[in-house]
């Protein structure tokens, strides 16, 4: 998988997590544990994306 394809796949995963996070947050009985996990996963993806972008520009 090329670097661009990998970056695009990570961005798609992040977008999916953002949607899931929004859905969970708007749910009347939001699961706090699920929210924490989704936020953690989103941050991990954000860090990986930023790391790949930095390595591309170097």
PDB file of N, CA and C in Angstrom:
ATOM      1  N   UNK A   1       0.859  -1.176   0.000  1.00  0.00           N
ATOM      2  CA  UNK A   1       0.000   0.000   0.000  1.00  0.00           C
ATOM      3  C   UNK A   1       0.900   1.231   0.000  1.00  0.00           C
ATOM      4  N   UNK A   2       0.608   2.153  -0.912  1.00  0.00           N
ATOM      5  CA  UNK A   2       1.407   3.375  -0.969  1.00  0.00           C
ATOM      6  C   UNK A   2       1.118   4.256   0.240  1.00  0.00           C
ATOM      7  N   UNK A   3       2.016   5.181   0.479  1.00  0.00           N
ATOM      8  CA  UNK A   3       1.873   6.088   1.615  1.00  0.00           C
ATOM      9  C   UNK A   3       0.581   6.902   1.487  1.00  0.00           C
ATOM     10  N   UNK A   4       0.289   7.372   0.275  1.00  0.00           N
ATOM     11  CA  UNK A   4      -0.933   8.159   0.058  1.00  0.00           C
ATOM     12  C   UNK A   4      -2.181   7.325   0.339  1.00  0.00           C
ATOM     13  N   UNK A   5      -2.186   6.091  -0.124  1.00  0.00           N
ATOM     14  CA  UNK A   5      -3.335   5.215   0.113  1.00  0.00           C
ATOM     15  C   UNK A   5      -3.507   4.923   1.597  1.00  0.00           C
ATOM     16  N   UNK A   6      -2.388   4.703   2.272  1.00  0.00           N
ATOM     17  CA  UNK A   6      -2.436   4.427   3.711  1.00  0.00           C
ATOM     18  C   UNK A   6      -2.979   5.644   4.457  1.00  0.00           C
ATOM     19  N   UNK A   7      -2.500   6.812   4.085  1.00  0.00           N
ATOM     20  CA  UNK A   7      -2.964   8.053   4.707  1.00  0.00           C
ATOM     21  C   UNK A   7      -4.461   8.243   4.467  1.00  0.00           C
ATOM     22  N   UNK A   8      -4.897   7.983   3.251  1.00  0.00           N
ATOM     23  CA  UNK A   8      -6.317   8.120   2.920  1.00  0.00           C
ATOM     24  C   UNK A   8      -7.163   7.134   3.737  1.00  0.00           C
ATOM     25  N   UNK A   9      -6.683   5.909   3.882  1.00  0.00           N
ATOM     26  CA  UNK A   9      -7.416   4.902   4.661  1.00  0.00           C
ATOM     27  C   UNK A   9      -7.530   5.329   6.124  1.00  0.00           C
ATOM     28  N   UNK A  10      -6.454   5.877   6.680  1.00  0.00           N
ATOM     29  CA  UNK A  10      -6.496   6.351   8.066  1.00  0.00           C
ATOM     30  C   UNK A  10      -7.477   7.513   8.216  1.00  0.00           C
ATOM     31  N   UNK A  11      -7.496   8.406   7.234  1.00  0.00           N
ATOM     32  CA  UNK A  11      -8.430   9.535   7.284  1.00  0.00           C
ATOM     33  C   UNK A  11      -9.872   9.053   7.214  1.00  0.00           C
ATOM     34  N   UNK A  12     -10.129   8.030   6.421  1.00  0.00           N
ATOM     35  CA  UNK A  12     -11.476   7.467   6.349  1.00  0.00           C
ATOM     36  C   UNK A  12     -11.872   6.837   7.682  1.00  0.00           C
ATOM     37  N   UNK A  13     -10.936   6.138   8.307  1.00  0.00           N
ATOM     38  CA  UNK A  13     -11.211   5.545   9.618  1.00  0.00           C
ATOM     39  C   UNK A  13     -11.519   6.637  10.636  1.00  0.00           C
ATOM     40  N   UNK A  14     -10.755   7.728  10.582  1.00  0.00           N
ATOM     41  CA  UNK A  14     -10.976   8.842  11.506  1.00  0.00           C
ATOM     42  C   UNK A  14     -12.363   9.446  11.282  1.00  0.00           C
ATOM     43  N   UNK A  15     -12.744   9.624  10.020  1.00  0.00           N
ATOM     44  CA  UNK A  15     -14.066  10.178   9.720  1.00  0.00           C
ATOM     45  C   UNK A  15     -15.178   9.268  10.229  1.00  0.00           C
ATOM     46  N   UNK A  16     -15.003   7.964  10.082  1.00  0.00           N
ATOM     47  CA  UNK A  16     -15.982   7.006  10.590  1.00  0.00           C
ATOM     48  C   UNK A  16     -16.095   7.111  12.105  1.00  0.00           C
ATOM     49  N   UNK A  17     -14.949   7.229  12.780  1.00  0.00           N
ATOM     50  CA  UNK A  17     -14.964   7.386  14.238  1.00  0.00           C
ATOM     51  C   UNK A  17     -15.648   8.685  14.648  1.00  0.00           C
ATOM     52  N   UNK A  18     -15.419   9.754  13.891  1.00  0.00           N
ATOM     53  CA  UNK A  18     -16.066  11.032  14.200  1.00  0.00           C
ATOM     54  C   UNK A  18     -17.583  10.890  14.131  1.00  0.00           C
ATOM     55  N   UNK A  19     -18.064  10.173  13.119  1.00  0.00           N
ATOM     56  CA  UNK A  19     -19.509   9.959  12.982  1.00  0.00           C
ATOM     57  C   UNK A  19     -20.049   9.117  14.135  1.00  0.00           C
ATOM     58  N   UNK A  20     -19.329   8.043  14.469  1.00  0.00           N
ATOM     59  CA  UNK A  20     -19.762   7.189  15.585  1.00  0.00           C
ATOM     60  C   UNK A  20     -19.768   7.966  16.894  1.00  0.00           C
ATOM     61  N   UNK A  21     -18.764   8.800  17.085  1.00  0.00           N
ATOM     62  CA  UNK A  21     -18.672   9.615  18.290  1.00  0.00           C
ATOM     63  C   UNK A  21     -19.847  10.582  18.365  1.00  0.00           C
ATOM     64  N   UNK A  22     -20.161  11.211  17.250  1.00  0.00           N
ATOM     65  CA  UNK A  22     -21.297  12.140  17.217  1.00  0.00           C
ATOM     66  C   UNK A  22     -22.604  11.407  17.532  1.00  0.00           C
ATOM     67  N   UNK A  23     -22.781  10.239  16.930  1.00  0.00           N
ATOM     68  CA  UNK A  23     -23.992   9.455  17.188  1.00  0.00           C
ATOM     69  C   UNK A  23     -24.106   9.084  18.659  1.00  0.00           C
ATOM     70  N   UNK A  24     -23.001   8.673  19.248  1.00  0.00           N
ATOM     71  CA  UNK A  24     -23.018   8.276  20.662  1.00  0.00           C
ATOM     72  C   UNK A  24     -23.294   9.486  21.552  1.00  0.00           C
ATOM     73  N   UNK A  25     -22.718  10.630  21.214  1.00  0.00           N
ATOM     74  CA  UNK A  25     -22.899  11.831  22.034  1.00  0.00           C
ATOM     75  C   UNK A  25     -24.336  12.345  21.982  1.00  0.00           C
ATOM     76  N   UNK A  26     -25.008  12.142  20.859  1.00  0.00           N
ATOM     77  CA  UNK A  26     -26.378  12.630  20.729  1.00  0.00           C
ATOM     78  C   UNK A  26     -27.406  11.614  21.221  1.00  0.00           C
ATOM     79  N   UNK A  27     -26.946  10.436  21.561  1.00  0.00           N
ATOM     80  CA  UNK A  27     -27.839   9.406  22.090  1.00  0.00           C
ATOM     81  C   UNK A  27     -28.286   9.816  23.492  1.00  0.00           C
ATOM     82  N   UNK A  28     -29.567   9.676  23.802  1.00  0.00           N
ATOM     83  CA  UNK A  28     -30.063  10.099  25.122  1.00  0.00           C
ATOM     84  C   UNK A  28     -29.359   9.419  26.298  1.00  0.00           C
ATOM     85  N   UNK A  29     -28.994   8.174  26.133  1.00  0.00           N
ATOM     86  CA  UNK A  29     -28.316   7.455  27.213  1.00  0.00           C
ATOM     87  C   UNK A  29     -26.902   7.098  26.757  1.00  0.00           C
ATOM     88  N   UNK A  30     -26.107   8.125  26.494  1.00  0.00           N
ATOM     89  CA  UNK A  30     -24.753   7.916  25.984  1.00  0.00           C
ATOM     90  C   UNK A  30     -23.926   7.092  26.965  1.00  0.00           C
ATOM     91  N   UNK A  31     -23.173   6.170  26.422  1.00  0.00           N
ATOM     92  CA  UNK A  31     -22.296   5.303  27.213  1.00  0.00           C
ATOM     93  C   UNK A  31     -20.951   6.015  27.372  1.00  0.00           C
ATOM     94  N   UNK A  32     -20.651   6.455  28.579  1.00  0.00           N
ATOM     95  CA  UNK A  32     -19.427   7.224  28.835  1.00  0.00           C
ATOM     96  C   UNK A  32     -18.171   6.419  28.508  1.00  0.00           C
ATOM     97  N   UNK A  33     -18.199   5.133  28.804  1.00  0.00           N
ATOM     98  CA  UNK A  33     -17.038   4.288  28.502  1.00  0.00           C
ATOM     99  C   UNK A  33     -16.814   4.206  26.993  1.00  0.00           C
ATOM    100  N   UNK A  34     -17.892   4.053  26.248  1.00  0.00           N
ATOM    101  CA  UNK A  34     -17.788   3.997  24.791  1.00  0.00           C
ATOM    102  C   UNK A  34     -17.286   5.329  24.244  1.00  0.00           C
ATOM    103  N   UNK A  35     -17.769   6.431  24.813  1.00  0.00           N
ATOM    104  CA  UNK A  35     -17.306   7.752  24.382  1.00  0.00           C
ATOM    105  C   UNK A  35     -15.804   7.906  24.607  1.00  0.00           C
ATOM    106  N   UNK A  36     -15.333   7.506  25.769  1.00  0.00           N
ATOM    107  CA  UNK A  36     -13.892   7.599  26.063  1.00  0.00           C
ATOM    108  C   UNK A  36     -13.079   6.770  25.075  1.00  0.00           C
ATOM    109  N   UNK A  37     -13.543   5.566  24.796  1.00  0.00           N
ATOM    110  CA  UNK A  37     -12.823   4.684  23.877  1.00  0.00           C
ATOM    111  C   UNK A  37     -12.802   5.259  22.458  1.00  0.00           C
ATOM    112  N   UNK A  38     -13.934   5.772  22.001  1.00  0.00           N
ATOM    113  CA  UNK A  38     -13.986   6.375  20.668  1.00  0.00           C
ATOM    114  C   UNK A  38     -13.061   7.585  20.577  1.00  0.00           C
ATOM    115  N   UNK A  39     -13.062   8.404  21.607  1.00  0.00           N
ATOM    116  CA  UNK A  39     -12.184   9.579  21.624  1.00  0.00           C
ATOM    117  C   UNK A  39     -10.720   9.157  21.612  1.00  0.00           C
ATOM    118  N   UNK A  40     -10.398   8.123  22.369  1.00  0.00           N
ATOM    119  CA  UNK A  40      -9.018   7.631  22.408  1.00  0.00           C
ATOM    120  C   UNK A  40      -8.593   7.113  21.034  1.00  0.00           C
ATOM    121  N   UNK A  41      -9.457   6.329  20.403  1.00  0.00           N
ATOM    122  CA  UNK A  41      -9.156   5.796  19.073  1.00  0.00           C
ATOM    123  C   UNK A  41      -8.969   6.924  18.069  1.00  0.00           C
ATOM    124  N   UNK A  42      -9.816   7.937  18.161  1.00  0.00           N
ATOM    125  CA  UNK A  42      -9.724   9.073  17.248  1.00  0.00           C
ATOM    126  C   UNK A  42      -8.395   9.809  17.431  1.00  0.00           C
ATOM    127  N   UNK A  43      -7.967   9.984  18.667  1.00  0.00           N
ATOM    128  CA  UNK A  43      -6.686  10.646  18.927  1.00  0.00           C
ATOM    129  C   UNK A  43      -5.509   9.821  18.413  1.00  0.00           C
ATOM    130  N   UNK A  44      -5.588   8.508  18.555  1.00  0.00           N
ATOM    131  CA  UNK A  44      -4.528   7.639  18.042  1.00  0.00           C
ATOM    132  C   UNK A  44      -4.423   7.795  16.528  1.00  0.00           C
ATOM    133  N   UNK A  45      -5.561   7.783  15.854  1.00  0.00           N
ATOM    134  CA  UNK A  45      -5.553   7.956  14.399  1.00  0.00           C
ATOM    135  C   UNK A  45      -5.017   9.334  14.018  1.00  0.00           C
ATOM    136  N   UNK A  46      -5.428  10.356  14.750  1.00  0.00           N
ATOM    137  CA  UNK A  46      -4.948  11.713  14.472  1.00  0.00           C
ATOM    138  C   UNK A  46      -3.427  11.765  14.565  1.00  0.00           C
ATOM    139  N   UNK A  47      -2.875  11.163  15.602  1.00  0.00           N
ATOM    140  CA  UNK A  47      -1.423  11.147  15.779  1.00  0.00           C
ATOM    141  C   UNK A  47      -0.731  10.392  14.647  1.00  0.00           C
ATOM    142  N   UNK A  48      -1.292   9.261  14.243  1.00  0.00           N
ATOM    143  CA  UNK A  48      -0.698   8.482  13.148  1.00  0.00           C
ATOM    144  C   UNK A  48      -0.733   9.261  11.843  1.00  0.00           C
ATOM    145  N   UNK A  49      -1.848   9.950  11.583  1.00  0.00           N
ATOM    146  CA  UNK A  49      -1.977  10.749  10.365  1.00  0.00           C
ATOM    147  C   UNK A  49      -0.947  11.877  10.366  1.00  0.00           C
ATOM    148  N   UNK A  50      -0.833  12.578  11.478  1.00  0.00           N
ATOM    149  CA  UNK A  50       0.137  13.671  11.567  1.00  0.00           C
ATOM    150  C   UNK A  50       1.560  13.155  11.386  1.00  0.00           C
ATOM    151  N   UNK A  51       1.863  12.006  11.963  1.00  0.00           N
ATOM    152  CA  UNK A  51       3.197  11.419  11.833  1.00  0.00           C
ATOM    153  C   UNK A  51       3.501  11.086  10.374  1.00  0.00           C
ATOM    154  N   UNK A  52       2.531  10.511   9.673  1.00  0.00           N
ATOM    155  CA  UNK A  52       2.735  10.186   8.257  1.00  0.00           C
ATOM    156  C   UNK A  52       2.917  11.446   7.423  1.00  0.00           C
ATOM    157  N   UNK A  53       2.136  12.467   7.702  1.00  0.00           N
ATOM    158  CA  UNK A  53       2.271  13.721   6.951  1.00  0.00           C
ATOM    159  C   UNK A  53       3.642  14.352   7.171  1.00  0.00           C
ATOM    160  N   UNK A  54       4.122  14.301   8.421  1.00  0.00           N
ATOM    161  CA  UNK A  54       5.458  14.847   8.710  1.00  0.00           C
ATOM    162  C   UNK A  54       6.531  14.059   7.965  1.00  0.00           C
ATOM    163  N   UNK A  55       6.389  12.742   7.934  1.00  0.00           N
ATOM    164  CA  UNK A  55       7.403  11.923   7.263  1.00  0.00           C
ATOM    165  C   UNK A  55       7.375  12.133   5.750  1.00  0.00           C
ATOM    166  N   UNK A  56       6.216  12.469   5.194  1.00  0.00           N
ATOM    167  CA  UNK A  56       6.123  12.743   3.761  1.00  0.00           C
ATOM    168  C   UNK A  56       6.823  14.046   3.406  1.00  0.00           C
ATOM    169  N   UNK A  57       6.704  15.034   4.272  1.00  0.00           N
ATOM    170  CA  UNK A  57       7.275  16.345   3.964  1.00  0.00           C
ATOM    171  C   UNK A  57       8.763  16.415   4.296  1.00  0.00           C
ATOM    172  N   UNK A  58       9.279  15.406   4.961  1.00  0.00           N
ATOM    173  CA  UNK A  58      10.704  15.421   5.346  1.00  0.00           C
ATOM    174  C   UNK A  58      11.597  14.971   4.213  1.00  0.00           C
TER     175      UNK A  58
END
